[in-house]
Amino acid sequence: MLAQIAYPLTAGTARDHVTLAVVVLFGLACITHAAVVFGGRWAAGFFVITAGLGYAVEILGIATGFPFGSYDYADGRIGPSVAGVPLVIALAWTAGLYPVWTVAHLLCGRYVTRLLATAVGVVGWDLYLDPQMVADGQWTWRSSLSGLPGLPEIPITNYLGWFVVASVMAVAVSALRTTAVDRTTSTVPIVLFLWTWLGSALAHAVFLDAPQLHYSAIYGFLGMGILGIPLVVGVLVRTGGGQLR
């Protein structure tokens, strides 16, 4: 959280270092929590699925434009790369999926509903992430396809691709043997989810000066709010604790 607070206070190379720190710290927080709650084997499986599949799809995307659209990463700004994709991007997929996956399991009882909620929540996260990183020059889109109002440089195919990839990850993660997700052991991912949802909306609307981020503040708030609003109302206000699945 402190690293993310530092983000709007920095620029240039210092901001690149902060960006790298945010991804690494966020990802390690998720993996550590998963290992403590579900065990090391489950956490390792979650990491392999999210980081491995995410990185493979990123390499495919850079090479072919599928499934997100045509884009390129900036060279050397956030660490070493393989096949044009910074290595830290693998950890970003883990960091993005884990809090959303946890909240979806807390709120949704049915298997299909949990999968859809996870995919939608991850797309909501990217509605913050992509505009912010594009505004900072971390990657550049080369697609001629149209985007959302106010975010024309990011094609709609990007969000469709995120939905498909997140859905596949959610299915794969569901195959891992685990105990039910319990609110009493989910404080870390809940806090990370709420911080990302509400903190990103505030940062995009107030603390970051790129004009397109005023639009992403709304899109991201609504996208993650599909899970965030029920989380606040149902888990943090109405329930007294215990298992919700």
Protein backbone atom coordinates (compact mmCIF):
# COMPACT_ATOMS: atom_id res chain seq x y z
CA MET A 1 0.00 0.00 0.00
CA LEU A 2 2.84 2.39 0.83
CA ALA A 3 4.45 1.62 -2.53
CA GLN A 4 1.19 2.39 -4.32
CA ILE A 5 0.80 5.63 -2.38
CA ALA A 6 4.28 6.57 -3.58
CA TYR A 7 3.34 6.00 -7.24
CA PRO A 8 1.70 9.40 -7.96
CA LEU A 9 4.50 11.13 -6.03
CA THR A 10 7.19 9.90 -8.42
CA ALA A 11 8.06 10.22 -12.10
CA GLY A 12 10.46 8.79 -14.67
CA THR A 13 12.86 6.09 -13.53
CA ALA A 14 11.74 6.41 -9.91
CA ARG A 15 8.16 5.64 -10.93
CA ASP A 16 9.35 2.60 -12.89
CA HIS A 17 11.04 1.31 -9.72
CA VAL A 18 7.86 1.95 -7.73
CA THR A 19 5.78 0.14 -10.36
CA LEU A 20 8.06 -2.89 -10.15
CA ALA A 21 7.95 -2.82 -6.34
CA VAL A 22 4.15 -2.62 -6.30
CA VAL A 23 3.77 -5.71 -8.49
CA VAL A 24 6.36 -7.75 -6.60
CA LEU A 25 5.05 -6.82 -3.13
CA PHE A 26 1.41 -7.33 -4.12
CA GLY A 27 2.15 -10.70 -5.70
CA LEU A 28 4.24 -11.90 -2.75
CA ALA A 29 1.50 -10.84 -0.32
CA CYS A 30 -1.00 -12.97 -2.25
CA ILE A 31 1.27 -16.00 -2.54
CA THR A 32 2.27 -15.82 1.13
CA HIS A 33 -1.35 -15.60 2.26
CA ALA A 34 -2.34 -18.50 0.03
CA ALA A 35 0.49 -20.63 1.42
CA VAL A 36 -0.45 -19.87 5.03
CA VAL A 37 -4.19 -20.51 4.54
CA PHE A 38 -4.29 -23.26 1.90
CA GLY A 39 -0.81 -24.75 2.10
CA GLY A 40 2.34 -24.47 0.06
CA ARG A 41 1.31 -26.96 -2.63
CA TRP A 42 -1.93 -25.13 -3.31
CA ALA A 43 -0.15 -21.77 -3.41
CA ALA A 44 2.43 -23.18 -5.81
CA GLY A 45 -0.33 -24.53 -8.03
CA PHE A 46 -2.13 -21.19 -7.99
CA PHE A 47 1.09 -19.41 -8.93
CA VAL A 48 1.88 -21.82 -11.77
CA ILE A 49 -1.63 -21.46 -13.19
CA THR A 50 -1.91 -17.69 -12.95
CA ALA A 51 1.69 -16.61 -13.58
CA GLY A 52 2.46 -19.38 -16.07
CA LEU A 53 -0.70 -19.12 -18.13
CA GLY A 54 -0.73 -15.33 -17.89
CA TYR A 55 2.85 -15.02 -19.11
CA ALA A 56 2.31 -17.50 -21.93
CA VAL A 57 -0.74 -15.58 -23.13
CA GLU A 58 1.20 -12.31 -22.95
CA ILE A 59 3.96 -13.75 -25.16
CA LEU A 60 1.30 -14.99 -27.57
CA GLY A 61 -0.34 -11.57 -27.54
CA ILE A 62 2.89 -9.74 -28.32
CA ALA A 63 3.69 -12.13 -31.16
CA THR A 64 0.24 -12.42 -32.77
CA GLY A 65 -2.14 -9.80 -31.33
CA PHE A 66 -4.36 -12.59 -29.96
CA PRO A 67 -6.35 -12.58 -27.69
CA PHE A 68 -6.07 -8.96 -26.50
CA GLY A 69 -5.15 -7.03 -29.62
CA SER A 70 -1.86 -5.70 -30.95
CA TYR A 71 0.43 -4.06 -28.36
CA ASP A 72 4.07 -3.73 -27.29
CA TYR A 73 5.77 -3.31 -23.92
CA ALA A 74 8.28 -0.53 -23.31
CA ASP A 75 11.82 -1.88 -23.40
CA GLY A 76 13.67 -2.32 -20.10
CA ARG A 77 11.55 -0.09 -17.87
CA ILE A 78 10.25 -2.65 -15.35
CA GLY A 79 12.93 -5.29 -15.39
CA PRO A 80 14.20 -7.92 -17.83
CA SER A 81 12.00 -9.35 -20.56
CA VAL A 82 11.58 -12.60 -22.44
CA ALA A 83 10.08 -12.49 -25.93
CA GLY A 84 9.18 -8.84 -25.41
CA VAL A 85 7.27 -9.37 -22.13
CA PRO A 86 8.73 -8.18 -18.78
CA LEU A 87 9.13 -11.10 -16.39
CA VAL A 88 7.29 -9.25 -13.62
CA ILE A 89 4.10 -9.36 -15.70
CA ALA A 90 3.74 -13.03 -14.74
CA LEU A 91 3.48 -12.04 -11.08
CA ALA A 92 0.99 -9.31 -11.96
CA TRP A 93 -1.49 -11.96 -13.11
CA THR A 94 -1.20 -13.73 -9.76
CA ALA A 95 -1.62 -10.45 -7.90
CA GLY A 96 -4.66 -9.50 -9.96
CA LEU A 97 -6.49 -12.81 -9.69
CA TYR A 98 -6.03 -13.83 -6.05
CA PRO A 99 -8.01 -11.08 -4.23
CA VAL A 100 -10.79 -11.23 -6.84
CA TRP A 101 -10.92 -15.04 -6.67
CA THR A 102 -11.17 -14.89 -2.87
CA VAL A 103 -14.00 -12.35 -2.85
CA ALA A 104 -15.89 -14.26 -5.57
CA HIS A 105 -15.70 -17.40 -3.42
CA LEU A 106 -16.92 -15.54 -0.36
CA LEU A 107 -19.93 -14.13 -2.18
CA CYS A 108 -20.95 -16.81 -4.68
CA GLY A 109 -22.16 -20.25 -3.74
CA ARG A 110 -22.54 -21.82 -7.17
CA TYR A 111 -19.57 -22.98 -9.20
CA VAL A 112 -20.51 -21.24 -12.45
CA THR A 113 -21.38 -18.02 -10.64
CA ARG A 114 -17.98 -18.01 -8.93
CA LEU A 115 -16.20 -18.48 -12.25
CA LEU A 116 -18.12 -15.66 -13.92
CA ALA A 117 -17.69 -13.37 -10.92
CA THR A 118 -13.94 -13.99 -10.88
CA ALA A 119 -13.62 -13.22 -14.60
CA VAL A 120 -15.73 -10.07 -14.37
CA GLY A 121 -13.84 -8.86 -11.31
CA VAL A 122 -10.48 -9.35 -13.02
CA VAL A 123 -11.70 -7.39 -16.04
CA GLY A 124 -12.74 -4.66 -13.61
CA TRP A 125 -9.20 -4.63 -12.23
CA ASP A 126 -7.80 -4.26 -15.74
CA LEU A 127 -10.11 -1.31 -16.35
CA TYR A 128 -7.84 0.45 -13.85
CA LEU A 129 -4.56 -1.21 -14.77
CA ASP A 130 -4.49 -0.85 -18.54
CA PRO A 131 -5.33 2.87 -18.77
CA GLN A 132 -2.88 3.71 -15.99
CA MET A 133 0.01 1.78 -17.54
CA VAL A 134 -0.76 3.08 -21.04
CA ALA A 135 -0.79 6.64 -19.69
CA ASP A 136 2.60 5.94 -18.11
CA GLY A 137 3.99 4.49 -21.34
CA GLN A 138 4.60 0.97 -19.98
CA TRP A 139 2.92 -0.49 -23.05
CA THR A 140 1.46 0.89 -26.27
CA TRP A 141 -1.51 -0.35 -28.26
CA ARG A 142 -1.30 -0.64 -32.04
CA SER A 143 -4.84 -1.84 -32.68
CA SER A 144 -7.19 0.01 -35.03
CA LEU A 145 -10.24 -1.30 -33.19
CA SER A 146 -12.29 1.12 -31.11
CA GLY A 147 -12.20 1.31 -27.31
CA LEU A 148 -14.49 2.49 -24.56
CA PRO A 149 -15.60 6.16 -24.52
CA GLY A 150 -12.72 8.20 -23.13
CA LEU A 151 -10.26 5.31 -23.60
CA PRO A 152 -10.08 5.01 -27.40
CA GLU A 153 -6.49 3.72 -27.53
CA ILE A 154 -7.33 0.47 -25.70
CA PRO A 155 -9.41 -1.83 -27.95
CA ILE A 156 -12.50 -3.61 -26.69
CA THR A 157 -10.79 -6.90 -27.60
CA ASN A 158 -8.42 -6.34 -24.68
CA TYR A 159 -11.22 -6.67 -22.14
CA LEU A 160 -12.76 -9.62 -23.96
CA GLY A 161 -9.36 -11.32 -23.92
CA TRP A 162 -9.00 -10.66 -20.20
CA PHE A 163 -12.43 -12.17 -19.57
CA VAL A 164 -11.55 -15.35 -21.46
CA VAL A 165 -8.11 -15.76 -19.90
CA ALA A 166 -9.41 -15.07 -16.38
CA SER A 167 -12.20 -17.59 -16.93
CA VAL A 168 -9.71 -20.28 -17.98
CA MET A 169 -7.56 -19.50 -14.94
CA ALA A 170 -10.58 -19.71 -12.63
CA VAL A 171 -11.51 -23.12 -14.03
CA ALA A 172 -7.95 -24.38 -13.62
CA VAL A 173 -7.67 -23.05 -10.06
CA SER A 174 -10.97 -24.70 -9.15
CA ALA A 175 -9.35 -28.06 -9.93
CA LEU A 176 -6.88 -27.55 -7.07
CA ARG A 177 -7.96 -29.27 -3.87
CA THR A 178 -8.70 -26.69 -1.19
CA THR A 179 -10.86 -25.99 1.81
CA ALA A 180 -13.74 -23.53 1.58
CA VAL A 181 -12.83 -19.85 1.61
CA ASP A 182 -13.65 -18.39 5.02
CA ARG A 183 -14.00 -14.71 5.89
CA THR A 184 -12.09 -15.18 9.14
CA THR A 185 -8.95 -16.19 7.23
CA SER A 186 -9.38 -13.85 4.26
CA THR A 187 -8.51 -10.47 5.76
CA VAL A 188 -5.45 -9.91 3.56
CA PRO A 189 -7.10 -10.53 0.16
CA ILE A 190 -10.25 -8.65 1.25
CA VAL A 191 -8.16 -5.62 2.23
CA LEU A 192 -6.15 -5.84 -1.00
CA PHE A 193 -9.37 -6.05 -3.02
CA LEU A 194 -10.94 -3.06 -1.28
CA TRP A 195 -7.71 -1.07 -1.49
CA THR A 196 -7.43 -1.76 -5.23
CA TRP A 197 -11.09 -1.04 -5.92
CA LEU A 198 -11.50 2.14 -3.89
CA GLY A 199 -7.91 3.37 -3.85
CA SER A 200 -7.53 3.10 -7.62
CA ALA A 201 -10.76 4.99 -8.18
CA LEU A 202 -9.51 7.81 -5.96
CA ALA A 203 -6.04 7.84 -7.51
CA HIS A 204 -7.36 7.94 -11.07
CA ALA A 205 -9.93 10.62 -10.29
CA VAL A 206 -7.75 12.90 -8.13
CA PHE A 207 -4.04 12.09 -7.86
CA LEU A 208 -3.03 11.06 -11.41
CA ASP A 209 -3.21 13.79 -14.01
CA ALA A 210 -3.72 11.91 -17.30
CA PRO A 211 -7.20 12.97 -18.52
CA GLN A 212 -8.18 9.48 -19.67
CA LEU A 213 -7.82 8.22 -16.10
CA HIS A 214 -10.90 10.18 -15.10
CA TYR A 215 -12.82 7.74 -17.30
CA SER A 216 -10.99 4.65 -15.99
CA ALA A 217 -11.84 5.76 -12.45
CA ILE A 218 -15.50 5.27 -13.35
CA TYR A 219 -15.08 2.11 -15.41
CA GLY A 220 -12.87 0.41 -12.83
CA PHE A 221 -15.12 1.40 -9.93
CA LEU A 222 -18.16 -0.05 -11.69
CA GLY A 223 -16.33 -3.16 -12.92
CA MET A 224 -14.84 -4.18 -9.59
CA GLY A 225 -17.93 -2.85 -7.84
CA ILE A 226 -19.89 -5.83 -9.16
CA LEU A 227 -18.10 -7.72 -6.40
CA GLY A 228 -17.09 -4.79 -4.21
CA ILE A 229 -20.55 -3.50 -3.38
CA PRO A 230 -21.92 -6.91 -2.31
CA LEU A 231 -18.69 -7.46 -0.37
CA VAL A 232 -19.13 -4.29 1.65
CA VAL A 233 -22.85 -4.81 2.21
CA GLY A 234 -22.93 -8.56 2.73
CA VAL A 235 -19.60 -9.47 4.28
CA LEU A 236 -18.40 -6.43 6.18
CA VAL A 237 -21.75 -5.06 7.36
CA ARG A 238 -24.41 -7.74 7.63
CA THR A 239 -22.49 -10.84 8.62
CA GLY A 240 -20.97 -11.52 11.97
CA GLY A 241 -18.29 -13.85 10.69
CA GLY A 242 -17.88 -17.43 9.67
CA GLN A 243 -18.04 -19.23 6.38
CA LEU A 244 -20.05 -17.75 3.53
CA ARG A 245 -19.67 -20.42 0.90
